[in-house]
């Protein structure tokens, strides 16, 4: 069983930056894609970005050029650097790894 703990959310003004972190523990297998999702009130959970074990990344069109996903395999940690934040980025952000979900971290962007 894998446990995921996210951190780094908060309140930021539009145009600002935040960095989310997610640490995996338990039955961790390095060669698995890690991902960030987000879910706003009344909306479906959506994929934000993924990173493979080798570092290949993919992004939702809405965050391309503004967000950067990365991982540290030695620390079983995935990061999401979010720059130029917009009000529509306000959501609960979830880490996903090996069929496990974190508890979520709230990101609120004020305009």
PDB file of N, CA and C in Angstrom:
ATOM      1  N   UNK A   1       0.842  -1.189   0.000  1.00  0.00           N
ATOM      2  CA  UNK A   1       0.000   0.000   0.000  1.00  0.00           C
ATOM      3  C   UNK A   1       0.881   1.244   0.000  1.00  0.00           C
ATOM      4  N   UNK A   2       0.436   2.236  -0.780  1.00  0.00           N
ATOM      5  CA  UNK A   2       1.194   3.473  -0.923  1.00  0.00           C
ATOM      6  C   UNK A   2       0.448   4.604  -0.219  1.00  0.00           C
ATOM      7  N   UNK A   3       1.184   5.417   0.493  1.00  0.00           N
ATOM      8  CA  UNK A   3       0.621   6.623   1.101  1.00  0.00           C
ATOM      9  C   UNK A   3       1.256   7.844   0.438  1.00  0.00           C
ATOM     10  N   UNK A   4       0.414   8.843   0.167  1.00  0.00           N
ATOM     11  CA  UNK A   4       0.864  10.065  -0.481  1.00  0.00           C
ATOM     12  C   UNK A   4       0.481  11.259   0.384  1.00  0.00           C
ATOM     13  N   UNK A   5       1.437  12.156   0.586  1.00  0.00           N
ATOM     14  CA  UNK A   5       1.180  13.346   1.390  1.00  0.00           C
ATOM     15  C   UNK A   5       1.595  14.568   0.588  1.00  0.00           C
ATOM     16  N   UNK A   6       0.612  15.421   0.287  1.00  0.00           N
ATOM     17  CA  UNK A   6       0.878  16.652  -0.461  1.00  0.00           C
ATOM     18  C   UNK A   6       1.099  17.818   0.494  1.00  0.00           C
ATOM     19  N   UNK A   7       1.816  18.810  -0.001  1.00  0.00           N
ATOM     20  CA  UNK A   7       2.007  20.050   0.749  1.00  0.00           C
ATOM     21  C   UNK A   7       2.311  21.168  -0.237  1.00  0.00           C
ATOM     22  N   UNK A   8       2.222  22.400   0.262  1.00  0.00           N
ATOM     23  CA  UNK A   8       2.624  23.540  -0.546  1.00  0.00           C
ATOM     24  C   UNK A   8       1.497  24.400  -1.066  1.00  0.00           C
ATOM     25  N   UNK A   9       0.257  23.988  -0.831  1.00  0.00           N
ATOM     26  CA  UNK A   9      -0.857  24.811  -1.290  1.00  0.00           C
ATOM     27  C   UNK A   9      -0.990  26.074  -0.449  1.00  0.00           C
ATOM     28  N   UNK A  10      -1.898  26.944  -0.887  1.00  0.00           N
ATOM     29  CA  UNK A  10      -2.124  28.173  -0.134  1.00  0.00           C
ATOM     30  C   UNK A  10      -2.858  29.202  -0.957  1.00  0.00           C
ATOM     31  N   UNK A  11      -2.851  30.419  -0.455  1.00  0.00           N
ATOM     32  CA  UNK A  11      -3.501  31.545  -1.106  1.00  0.00           C
ATOM     33  C   UNK A  11      -2.442  32.418  -1.758  1.00  0.00           C
ATOM     34  N   UNK A  12      -2.655  32.742  -3.018  1.00  0.00           N
ATOM     35  CA  UNK A  12      -1.689  33.545  -3.756  1.00  0.00           C
ATOM     36  C   UNK A  12      -2.434  34.491  -4.681  1.00  0.00           C
ATOM     37  N   UNK A  13      -1.834  35.629  -4.973  1.00  0.00           N
ATOM     38  CA  UNK A  13      -2.458  36.551  -5.914  1.00  0.00           C
ATOM     39  C   UNK A  13      -2.213  36.095  -7.344  1.00  0.00           C
ATOM     40  N   UNK A  14      -3.093  36.505  -8.224  1.00  0.00           N
ATOM     41  CA  UNK A  14      -2.931  36.190  -9.641  1.00  0.00           C
ATOM     42  C   UNK A  14      -1.567  36.683 -10.120  1.00  0.00           C
ATOM     43  N   UNK A  15      -0.909  35.829 -10.912  1.00  0.00           N
ATOM     44  CA  UNK A  15       0.433  36.133 -11.368  1.00  0.00           C
ATOM     45  C   UNK A  15       1.521  35.592 -10.471  1.00  0.00           C
ATOM     46  N   UNK A  16       1.144  35.114  -9.314  1.00  0.00           N
ATOM     47  CA  UNK A  16       2.104  34.583  -8.358  1.00  0.00           C
ATOM     48  C   UNK A  16       2.465  33.132  -8.632  1.00  0.00           C
ATOM     49  N   UNK A  17       3.254  32.566  -7.722  1.00  0.00           N
ATOM     50  CA  UNK A  17       3.754  31.206  -7.884  1.00  0.00           C
ATOM     51  C   UNK A  17       3.572  30.398  -6.600  1.00  0.00           C
ATOM     52  N   UNK A  18       3.442  29.105  -6.781  1.00  0.00           N
ATOM     53  CA  UNK A  18       3.437  28.148  -5.683  1.00  0.00           C
ATOM     54  C   UNK A  18       4.159  26.891  -6.132  1.00  0.00           C
ATOM     55  N   UNK A  19       4.705  26.169  -5.172  1.00  0.00           N
ATOM     56  CA  UNK A  19       5.330  24.885  -5.474  1.00  0.00           C
ATOM     57  C   UNK A  19       4.706  23.815  -4.592  1.00  0.00           C
ATOM     58  N   UNK A  20       4.087  22.833  -5.239  1.00  0.00           N
ATOM     59  CA  UNK A  20       3.494  21.716  -4.518  1.00  0.00           C
ATOM     60  C   UNK A  20       4.485  20.560  -4.455  1.00  0.00           C
ATOM     61  N   UNK A  21       4.412  19.821  -3.357  1.00  0.00           N
ATOM     62  CA  UNK A  21       5.231  18.627  -3.194  1.00  0.00           C
ATOM     63  C   UNK A  21       4.342  17.461  -2.794  1.00  0.00           C
ATOM     64  N   UNK A  22       4.751  16.265  -3.174  1.00  0.00           N
ATOM     65  CA  UNK A  22       4.026  15.055  -2.792  1.00  0.00           C
ATOM     66  C   UNK A  22       5.057  13.968  -2.519  1.00  0.00           C
ATOM     67  N   UNK A  23       5.025  13.460  -1.296  1.00  0.00           N
ATOM     68  CA  UNK A  23       5.949  12.412  -0.900  1.00  0.00           C
ATOM     69  C   UNK A  23       5.216  11.090  -0.822  1.00  0.00           C
ATOM     70  N   UNK A  24       5.769  10.084  -1.468  1.00  0.00           N
ATOM     71  CA  UNK A  24       5.202   8.738  -1.452  1.00  0.00           C
ATOM     72  C   UNK A  24       5.950   7.869  -0.450  1.00  0.00           C
ATOM     73  N   UNK A  25       5.210   7.046   0.278  1.00  0.00           N
ATOM     74  CA  UNK A  25       5.814   6.109   1.214  1.00  0.00           C
ATOM     75  C   UNK A  25       5.045   4.800   1.153  1.00  0.00           C
ATOM     76  N   UNK A  26       5.601   3.779   1.761  1.00  0.00           N
ATOM     77  CA  UNK A  26       4.971   2.469   1.722  1.00  0.00           C
ATOM     78  C   UNK A  26       5.569   1.629   0.607  1.00  0.00           C
ATOM     79  N   UNK A  27       4.716   0.899  -0.104  1.00  0.00           N
ATOM     80  CA  UNK A  27       5.176   0.021  -1.185  1.00  0.00           C
ATOM     81  C   UNK A  27       5.414   0.843  -2.445  1.00  0.00           C
ATOM     82  N   UNK A  28       6.538   1.540  -2.442  1.00  0.00           N
ATOM     83  CA  UNK A  28       6.852   2.446  -3.530  1.00  0.00           C
ATOM     84  C   UNK A  28       7.681   1.731  -4.584  1.00  0.00           C
ATOM     85  N   UNK A  29       7.259   1.824  -5.826  1.00  0.00           N
ATOM     86  CA  UNK A  29       8.008   1.291  -6.948  1.00  0.00           C
ATOM     87  C   UNK A  29       8.426   2.458  -7.822  1.00  0.00           C
ATOM     88  N   UNK A  30       9.682   2.632  -8.031  1.00  0.00           N
ATOM     89  CA  UNK A  30      10.157   3.826  -8.712  1.00  0.00           C
ATOM     90  C   UNK A  30       9.675   3.975 -10.133  1.00  0.00           C
ATOM     91  N   UNK A  31       9.539   2.875 -10.850  1.00  0.00           N
ATOM     92  CA  UNK A  31       9.290   2.942 -12.285  1.00  0.00           C
ATOM     93  C   UNK A  31       7.806   3.103 -12.596  1.00  0.00           C
ATOM     94  N   UNK A  32       7.172   4.056 -11.961  1.00  0.00           N
ATOM     95  CA  UNK A  32       5.747   4.303 -12.164  1.00  0.00           C
ATOM     96  C   UNK A  32       5.552   5.795 -12.405  1.00  0.00           C
ATOM     97  N   UNK A  33       4.685   6.113 -13.338  1.00  0.00           N
ATOM     98  CA  UNK A  33       4.380   7.511 -13.613  1.00  0.00           C
ATOM     99  C   UNK A  33       3.712   8.166 -12.414  1.00  0.00           C
ATOM    100  N   UNK A  34       4.124   9.375 -12.133  1.00  0.00           N
ATOM    101  CA  UNK A  34       3.495  10.165 -11.073  1.00  0.00           C
ATOM    102  C   UNK A  34       2.734  11.311 -11.728  1.00  0.00           C
ATOM    103  N   UNK A  35       1.693  11.768 -11.075  1.00  0.00           N
ATOM    104  CA  UNK A  35       0.836  12.766 -11.710  1.00  0.00           C
ATOM    105  C   UNK A  35       0.216  13.698 -10.683  1.00  0.00           C
ATOM    106  N   UNK A  36      -0.169  14.860 -11.181  1.00  0.00           N
ATOM    107  CA  UNK A  36      -0.975  15.810 -10.428  1.00  0.00           C
ATOM    108  C   UNK A  36      -2.316  15.977 -11.128  1.00  0.00           C
ATOM    109  N   UNK A  37      -3.369  15.954 -10.342  1.00  0.00           N
ATOM    110  CA  UNK A  37      -4.714  16.246 -10.799  1.00  0.00           C
ATOM    111  C   UNK A  37      -5.229  17.431  -9.982  1.00  0.00           C
ATOM    112  N   UNK A  38      -6.344  17.988 -10.442  1.00  0.00           N
ATOM    113  CA  UNK A  38      -6.996  19.028  -9.659  1.00  0.00           C
ATOM    114  C   UNK A  38      -8.504  18.917  -9.827  1.00  0.00           C
ATOM    115  N   UNK A  39      -9.201  19.403  -8.826  1.00  0.00           N
ATOM    116  CA  UNK A  39     -10.660  19.373  -8.866  1.00  0.00           C
ATOM    117  C   UNK A  39     -11.201  20.631  -8.218  1.00  0.00           C
ATOM    118  N   UNK A  40     -11.948  21.393  -9.001  1.00  0.00           N
ATOM    119  CA  UNK A  40     -12.605  22.594  -8.502  1.00  0.00           C
ATOM    120  C   UNK A  40     -14.028  22.239  -8.078  1.00  0.00           C
ATOM    121  N   UNK A  41     -14.645  23.024  -7.204  1.00  0.00           N
ATOM    122  CA  UNK A  41     -16.008  22.734  -6.741  1.00  0.00           C
ATOM    123  C   UNK A  41     -16.974  22.589  -7.910  1.00  0.00           C
ATOM    124  N   UNK A  42     -17.734  21.512  -7.897  1.00  0.00           N
ATOM    125  CA  UNK A  42     -18.727  21.287  -8.924  1.00  0.00           C
ATOM    126  C   UNK A  42     -18.181  20.799 -10.249  1.00  0.00           C
ATOM    127  N   UNK A  43     -16.882  20.534 -10.315  1.00  0.00           N
ATOM    128  CA  UNK A  43     -16.286  20.079 -11.562  1.00  0.00           C
ATOM    129  C   UNK A  43     -15.638  18.707 -11.374  1.00  0.00           C
ATOM    130  N   UNK A  44     -15.408  18.047 -12.506  1.00  0.00           N
ATOM    131  CA  UNK A  44     -14.739  16.757 -12.445  1.00  0.00           C
ATOM    132  C   UNK A  44     -13.241  16.938 -12.188  1.00  0.00           C
ATOM    133  N   UNK A  45     -12.660  15.911 -11.603  1.00  0.00           N
ATOM    134  CA  UNK A  45     -11.209  15.920 -11.408  1.00  0.00           C
ATOM    135  C   UNK A  45     -10.533  15.857 -12.782  1.00  0.00           C
ATOM    136  N   UNK A  46      -9.532  16.690 -12.983  1.00  0.00           N
ATOM    137  CA  UNK A  46      -8.860  16.726 -14.267  1.00  0.00           C
ATOM    138  C   UNK A  46      -7.355  16.545 -14.105  1.00  0.00           C
ATOM    139  N   UNK A  47      -6.768  15.940 -15.133  1.00  0.00           N
ATOM    140  CA  UNK A  47      -5.326  15.723 -15.132  1.00  0.00           C
ATOM    141  C   UNK A  47      -4.610  17.035 -15.417  1.00  0.00           C
ATOM    142  N   UNK A  48      -3.593  17.330 -14.611  1.00  0.00           N
ATOM    143  CA  UNK A  48      -2.811  18.549 -14.794  1.00  0.00           C
ATOM    144  C   UNK A  48      -1.490  18.229 -15.491  1.00  0.00           C
ATOM    145  N   UNK A  49      -0.768  17.246 -14.966  1.00  0.00           N
ATOM    146  CA  UNK A  49       0.544  16.932 -15.523  1.00  0.00           C
ATOM    147  C   UNK A  49       0.981  15.547 -15.064  1.00  0.00           C
ATOM    148  N   UNK A  50       1.827  14.912 -15.876  1.00  0.00           N
ATOM    149  CA  UNK A  50       2.410  13.626 -15.517  1.00  0.00           C
ATOM    150  C   UNK A  50       3.920  13.665 -15.757  1.00  0.00           C
ATOM    151  N   UNK A  51       4.614  12.802 -15.010  1.00  0.00           N
ATOM    152  CA  UNK A  51       6.051  12.648 -15.229  1.00  0.00           C
ATOM    153  C   UNK A  51       6.400  11.173 -15.082  1.00  0.00           C
ATOM    154  N   UNK A  52       7.084  10.626 -16.078  1.00  0.00           N
ATOM    155  CA  UNK A  52       7.479   9.225 -16.023  1.00  0.00           C
ATOM    156  C   UNK A  52       8.724   9.068 -15.161  1.00  0.00           C
ATOM    157  N   UNK A  53       9.085   7.810 -14.908  1.00  0.00           N
ATOM    158  CA  UNK A  53      10.278   7.543 -14.101  1.00  0.00           C
ATOM    159  C   UNK A  53      11.514   8.172 -14.726  1.00  0.00           C
ATOM    160  N   UNK A  54      11.563   8.190 -16.064  1.00  0.00           N
ATOM    161  CA  UNK A  54      12.731   8.736 -16.770  1.00  0.00           C
ATOM    162  C   UNK A  54      12.664  10.243 -16.950  1.00  0.00           C
ATOM    163  N   UNK A  55      11.546  10.835 -16.524  1.00  0.00           N
ATOM    164  CA  UNK A  55      11.442  12.291 -16.585  1.00  0.00           C
ATOM    165  C   UNK A  55      10.672  12.855 -17.753  1.00  0.00           C
ATOM    166  N   UNK A  56      10.033  11.995 -18.533  1.00  0.00           N
ATOM    167  CA  UNK A  56       9.210  12.487 -19.639  1.00  0.00           C
ATOM    168  C   UNK A  56       7.932  13.096 -19.063  1.00  0.00           C
ATOM    169  N   UNK A  57       7.609  14.294 -19.509  1.00  0.00           N
ATOM    170  CA  UNK A  57       6.475  15.023 -18.940  1.00  0.00           C
ATOM    171  C   UNK A  57       5.372  15.273 -19.959  1.00  0.00           C
ATOM    172  N   UNK A  58       4.162  15.421 -19.452  1.00  0.00           N
ATOM    173  CA  UNK A  58       3.015  15.813 -20.259  1.00  0.00           C
ATOM    174  C   UNK A  58       2.165  16.766 -19.443  1.00  0.00           C
ATOM    175  N   UNK A  59       1.512  17.709 -20.143  1.00  0.00           N
ATOM    176  CA  UNK A  59       0.736  18.739 -19.461  1.00  0.00           C
ATOM    177  C   UNK A  59      -0.618  18.941 -20.115  1.00  0.00           C
ATOM    178  N   UNK A  60      -1.572  19.332 -19.311  1.00  0.00           N
ATOM    179  CA  UNK A  60      -2.834  19.801 -19.859  1.00  0.00           C
ATOM    180  C   UNK A  60      -2.574  21.105 -20.600  1.00  0.00           C
ATOM    181  N   UNK A  61      -3.328  21.326 -21.661  1.00  0.00           N
ATOM    182  CA  UNK A  61      -3.128  22.535 -22.457  1.00  0.00           C
ATOM    183  C   UNK A  61      -3.272  23.803 -21.613  1.00  0.00           C
ATOM    184  N   UNK A  62      -4.132  23.757 -20.629  1.00  0.00           N
ATOM    185  CA  UNK A  62      -4.421  24.945 -19.831  1.00  0.00           C
ATOM    186  C   UNK A  62      -3.248  25.387 -18.952  1.00  0.00           C
ATOM    187  N   UNK A  63      -2.275  24.501 -18.743  1.00  0.00           N
ATOM    188  CA  UNK A  63      -1.149  24.848 -17.861  1.00  0.00           C
ATOM    189  C   UNK A  63       0.201  24.851 -18.578  1.00  0.00           C
ATOM    190  N   UNK A  64       0.208  24.475 -19.836  1.00  0.00           N
ATOM    191  CA  UNK A  64       1.471  24.437 -20.581  1.00  0.00           C
ATOM    192  C   UNK A  64       2.140  25.802 -20.581  1.00  0.00           C
ATOM    193  N   UNK A  65       3.440  25.785 -20.322  1.00  0.00           N
ATOM    194  CA  UNK A  65       4.197  27.028 -20.288  1.00  0.00           C
ATOM    195  C   UNK A  65       4.168  27.728 -18.948  1.00  0.00           C
ATOM    196  N   UNK A  66       3.295  27.297 -18.057  1.00  0.00           N
ATOM    197  CA  UNK A  66       3.195  27.938 -16.729  1.00  0.00           C
ATOM    198  C   UNK A  66       3.564  26.985 -15.598  1.00  0.00           C
ATOM    199  N   UNK A  67       3.227  25.711 -15.754  1.00  0.00           N
ATOM    200  CA  UNK A  67       3.490  24.708 -14.716  1.00  0.00           C
ATOM    201  C   UNK A  67       4.632  23.798 -15.160  1.00  0.00           C
ATOM    202  N   UNK A  68       5.395  23.332 -14.174  1.00  0.00           N
ATOM    203  CA  UNK A  68       6.463  22.375 -14.430  1.00  0.00           C
ATOM    204  C   UNK A  68       6.389  21.252 -13.406  1.00  0.00           C
ATOM    205  N   UNK A  69       6.265  20.028 -13.909  1.00  0.00           N
ATOM    206  CA  UNK A  69       6.267  18.862 -13.035  1.00  0.00           C
ATOM    207  C   UNK A  69       7.660  18.240 -13.048  1.00  0.00           C
ATOM    208  N   UNK A  70       8.090  17.766 -11.897  1.00  0.00           N
ATOM    209  CA  UNK A  70       9.386  17.101 -11.800  1.00  0.00           C
ATOM    210  C   UNK A  70       9.324  16.076 -10.677  1.00  0.00           C
ATOM    211  N   UNK A  71      10.315  15.211 -10.621  1.00  0.00           N
ATOM    212  CA  UNK A  71      10.336  14.202  -9.573  1.00  0.00           C
ATOM    213  C   UNK A  71      11.769  13.942  -9.130  1.00  0.00           C
ATOM    214  N   UNK A  72      11.876  13.528  -7.877  1.00  0.00           N
ATOM    215  CA  UNK A  72      13.144  13.102  -7.314  1.00  0.00           C
ATOM    216  C   UNK A  72      12.947  11.643  -6.906  1.00  0.00           C
ATOM    217  N   UNK A  73      13.436  10.731  -7.720  1.00  0.00           N
ATOM    218  CA  UNK A  73      13.199   9.306  -7.468  1.00  0.00           C
ATOM    219  C   UNK A  73      13.859   8.835  -6.178  1.00  0.00           C
ATOM    220  N   UNK A  74      14.965   9.427  -5.824  1.00  0.00           N
ATOM    221  CA  UNK A  74      15.643   9.031  -4.585  1.00  0.00           C
ATOM    222  C   UNK A  74      14.817   9.387  -3.351  1.00  0.00           C
ATOM    223  N   UNK A  75      14.008  10.426  -3.477  1.00  0.00           N
ATOM    224  CA  UNK A  75      13.172  10.880  -2.358  1.00  0.00           C
ATOM    225  C   UNK A  75      11.715  10.482  -2.520  1.00  0.00           C
ATOM    226  N   UNK A  76      11.394   9.742  -3.586  1.00  0.00           N
ATOM    227  CA  UNK A  76       9.999   9.346  -3.849  1.00  0.00           C
ATOM    228  C   UNK A  76       9.069  10.552  -3.798  1.00  0.00           C
ATOM    229  N   UNK A  77       9.500  11.625  -4.423  1.00  0.00           N
ATOM    230  CA  UNK A  77       8.778  12.894  -4.342  1.00  0.00           C
ATOM    231  C   UNK A  77       8.524  13.444  -5.738  1.00  0.00           C
ATOM    232  N   UNK A  78       7.329  13.982  -5.910  1.00  0.00           N
ATOM    233  CA  UNK A  78       6.984  14.674  -7.152  1.00  0.00           C
ATOM    234  C   UNK A  78       6.631  16.119  -6.799  1.00  0.00           C
ATOM    235  N   UNK A  79       7.005  17.026  -7.670  1.00  0.00           N
ATOM    236  CA  UNK A  79       6.778  18.450  -7.456  1.00  0.00           C
ATOM    237  C   UNK A  79       5.928  19.023  -8.577  1.00  0.00           C
ATOM    238  N   UNK A  80       5.270  20.121  -8.277  1.00  0.00           N
ATOM    239  CA  UNK A  80       4.564  20.879  -9.304  1.00  0.00           C
ATOM    240  C   UNK A  80       4.855  22.352  -9.052  1.00  0.00           C
ATOM    241  N   UNK A  81       5.694  22.926  -9.900  1.00  0.00           N
ATOM    242  CA  UNK A  81       5.985  24.349  -9.832  1.00  0.00           C
ATOM    243  C   UNK A  81       4.943  25.076 -10.671  1.00  0.00           C
ATOM    244  N   UNK A  82       4.218  25.969 -10.044  1.00  0.00           N
ATOM    245  CA  UNK A  82       3.128  26.672 -10.715  1.00  0.00           C
ATOM    246  C   UNK A  82       3.456  28.161 -10.743  1.00  0.00           C
ATOM    247  N   UNK A  83       3.620  28.675 -11.938  1.00  0.00           N
ATOM    248  CA  UNK A  83       3.929  30.090 -12.127  1.00  0.00           C
ATOM    249  C   UNK A  83       2.795  30.785 -12.864  1.00  0.00           C
ATOM    250  N   UNK A  84       2.776  32.107 -12.768  1.00  0.00           N
ATOM    251  CA  UNK A  84       1.755  32.903 -13.454  1.00  0.00           C
ATOM    252  C   UNK A  84       0.355  32.351 -13.182  1.00  0.00           C
ATOM    253  N   UNK A  85       0.073  32.140 -11.928  1.00  0.00           N
ATOM    254  CA  UNK A  85      -1.203  31.534 -11.552  1.00  0.00           C
ATOM    255  C   UNK A  85      -2.380  32.435 -11.900  1.00  0.00           C
ATOM    256  N   UNK A  86      -3.478  31.795 -12.276  1.00  0.00           N
ATOM    257  CA  UNK A  86      -4.696  32.485 -12.649  1.00  0.00           C
ATOM    258  C   UNK A  86      -5.826  32.036 -11.723  1.00  0.00           C
ATOM    259  N   UNK A  87      -6.889  32.825 -11.675  1.00  0.00           N
ATOM    260  CA  UNK A  87      -8.002  32.484 -10.791  1.00  0.00           C
ATOM    261  C   UNK A  87      -8.585  31.109 -11.139  1.00  0.00           C
ATOM    262  N   UNK A  88      -8.554  30.763 -12.421  1.00  0.00           N
ATOM    263  CA  UNK A  88      -9.099  29.470 -12.832  1.00  0.00           C
ATOM    264  C   UNK A  88      -8.224  28.290 -12.417  1.00  0.00           C
ATOM    265  N   UNK A  89      -7.053  28.554 -11.874  1.00  0.00           N
ATOM    266  CA  UNK A  89      -6.220  27.488 -11.335  1.00  0.00           C
ATOM    267  C   UNK A  89      -6.629  27.103  -9.911  1.00  0.00           C
ATOM    268  N   UNK A  90      -7.519  27.866  -9.309  1.00  0.00           N
ATOM    269  CA  UNK A  90      -7.970  27.571  -7.950  1.00  0.00           C
ATOM    270  C   UNK A  90      -8.670  26.218  -7.911  1.00  0.00           C
ATOM    271  N   UNK A  91      -8.172  25.327  -7.113  1.00  0.00           N
ATOM    272  CA  UNK A  91      -8.684  23.958  -7.028  1.00  0.00           C
ATOM    273  C   UNK A  91      -8.034  23.258  -5.846  1.00  0.00           C
ATOM    274  N   UNK A  92      -8.528  22.080  -5.570  1.00  0.00           N
ATOM    275  CA  UNK A  92      -7.785  21.162  -4.712  1.00  0.00           C
ATOM    276  C   UNK A  92      -6.906  20.320  -5.630  1.00  0.00           C
ATOM    277  N   UNK A  93      -5.615  20.275  -5.329  1.00  0.00           N
ATOM    278  CA  UNK A  93      -4.663  19.544  -6.147  1.00  0.00           C
ATOM    279  C   UNK A  93      -4.318  18.217  -5.467  1.00  0.00           C
ATOM    280  N   UNK A  94      -4.380  17.168  -6.277  1.00  0.00           N
ATOM    281  CA  UNK A  94      -4.154  15.819  -5.771  1.00  0.00           C
ATOM    282  C   UNK A  94      -2.963  15.170  -6.474  1.00  0.00           C
ATOM    283  N   UNK A  95      -2.189  14.478  -5.698  1.00  0.00           N
ATOM    284  CA  UNK A  95      -1.095  13.665  -6.227  1.00  0.00           C
ATOM    285  C   UNK A  95      -1.629  12.261  -6.493  1.00  0.00           C
ATOM    286  N   UNK A  96      -1.162  11.646  -7.576  1.00  0.00           N
ATOM    287  CA  UNK A  96      -1.590  10.291  -7.913  1.00  0.00           C
ATOM    288  C   UNK A  96      -0.376   9.452  -8.267  1.00  0.00           C
ATOM    289  N   UNK A  97      -0.336   8.246  -7.707  1.00  0.00           N
ATOM    290  CA  UNK A  97       0.806   7.349  -7.923  1.00  0.00           C
ATOM    291  C   UNK A  97       0.380   5.938  -7.592  1.00  0.00           C
ATOM    292  N   UNK A  98       0.609   5.032  -8.529  1.00  0.00           N
ATOM    293  CA  UNK A  98       0.350   3.596  -8.293  1.00  0.00           C
ATOM    294  C   UNK A  98      -1.048   3.370  -7.719  1.00  0.00           C
ATOM    295  N   UNK A  99      -2.050   3.941  -8.355  1.00  0.00           N
ATOM    296  CA  UNK A  99      -3.451   3.784  -7.971  1.00  0.00           C
ATOM    297  C   UNK A  99      -3.786   4.373  -6.600  1.00  0.00           C
ATOM    298  N   UNK A 100      -2.892   5.175  -6.054  1.00  0.00           N
ATOM    299  CA  UNK A 100      -3.161   5.815  -4.764  1.00  0.00           C
ATOM    300  C   UNK A 100      -3.321   7.324  -4.958  1.00  0.00           C
ATOM    301  N   UNK A 101      -4.122   7.922  -4.076  1.00  0.00           N
ATOM    302  CA  UNK A 101      -4.360   9.368  -4.101  1.00  0.00           C
ATOM    303  C   UNK A 101      -3.933   9.981  -2.775  1.00  0.00           C
ATOM    304  N   UNK A 102      -3.406  11.194  -2.873  1.00  0.00           N
ATOM    305  CA  UNK A 102      -3.157  11.936  -1.657  1.00  0.00           C
ATOM    306  C   UNK A 102      -4.441  12.565  -1.147  1.00  0.00           C
ATOM    307  N   UNK A 103      -4.337  13.277  -0.036  1.00  0.00           N
ATOM    308  CA  UNK A 103      -5.519  13.887   0.578  1.00  0.00           C
ATOM    309  C   UNK A 103      -5.892  15.205  -0.086  1.00  0.00           C
ATOM    310  N   UNK A 104      -5.001  15.744  -0.877  1.00  0.00           N
ATOM    311  CA  UNK A 104      -5.270  16.997  -1.579  1.00  0.00           C
ATOM    312  C   UNK A 104      -4.733  18.202  -0.833  1.00  0.00           C
ATOM    313  N   UNK A 105      -4.374  19.223  -1.591  1.00  0.00           N
ATOM    314  CA  UNK A 105      -3.928  20.484  -1.014  1.00  0.00           C
ATOM    315  C   UNK A 105      -4.622  21.616  -1.776  1.00  0.00           C
ATOM    316  N   UNK A 106      -5.165  22.556  -1.035  1.00  0.00           N
ATOM    317  CA  UNK A 106      -5.967  23.627  -1.626  1.00  0.00           C
ATOM    318  C   UNK A 106      -5.062  24.725  -2.184  1.00  0.00           C
ATOM    319  N   UNK A 107      -5.356  25.112  -3.407  1.00  0.00           N
ATOM    320  CA  UNK A 107      -4.703  26.264  -4.033  1.00  0.00           C
ATOM    321  C   UNK A 107      -5.796  27.278  -4.367  1.00  0.00           C
ATOM    322  N   UNK A 108      -5.640  28.477  -3.850  1.00  0.00           N
ATOM    323  CA  UNK A 108      -6.595  29.543  -4.109  1.00  0.00           C
ATOM    324  C   UNK A 108      -5.848  30.733  -4.686  1.00  0.00           C
ATOM    325  N   UNK A 109      -6.307  31.170  -5.856  1.00  0.00           N
ATOM    326  CA  UNK A 109      -5.681  32.304  -6.542  1.00  0.00           C
ATOM    327  C   UNK A 109      -6.667  33.463  -6.539  1.00  0.00           C
ATOM    328  N   UNK A 110      -6.268  34.556  -5.935  1.00  0.00           N
ATOM    329  CA  UNK A 110      -7.144  35.727  -5.866  1.00  0.00           C
ATOM    330  C   UNK A 110      -6.819  36.673  -7.012  1.00  0.00           C
ATOM    331  N   UNK A 111      -7.874  37.240  -7.568  1.00  0.00           N
ATOM    332  CA  UNK A 111      -7.683  38.152  -8.716  1.00  0.00           C
ATOM    333  C   UNK A 111      -7.641  39.605  -8.265  1.00  0.00           C
TER     334      UNK A 111
END
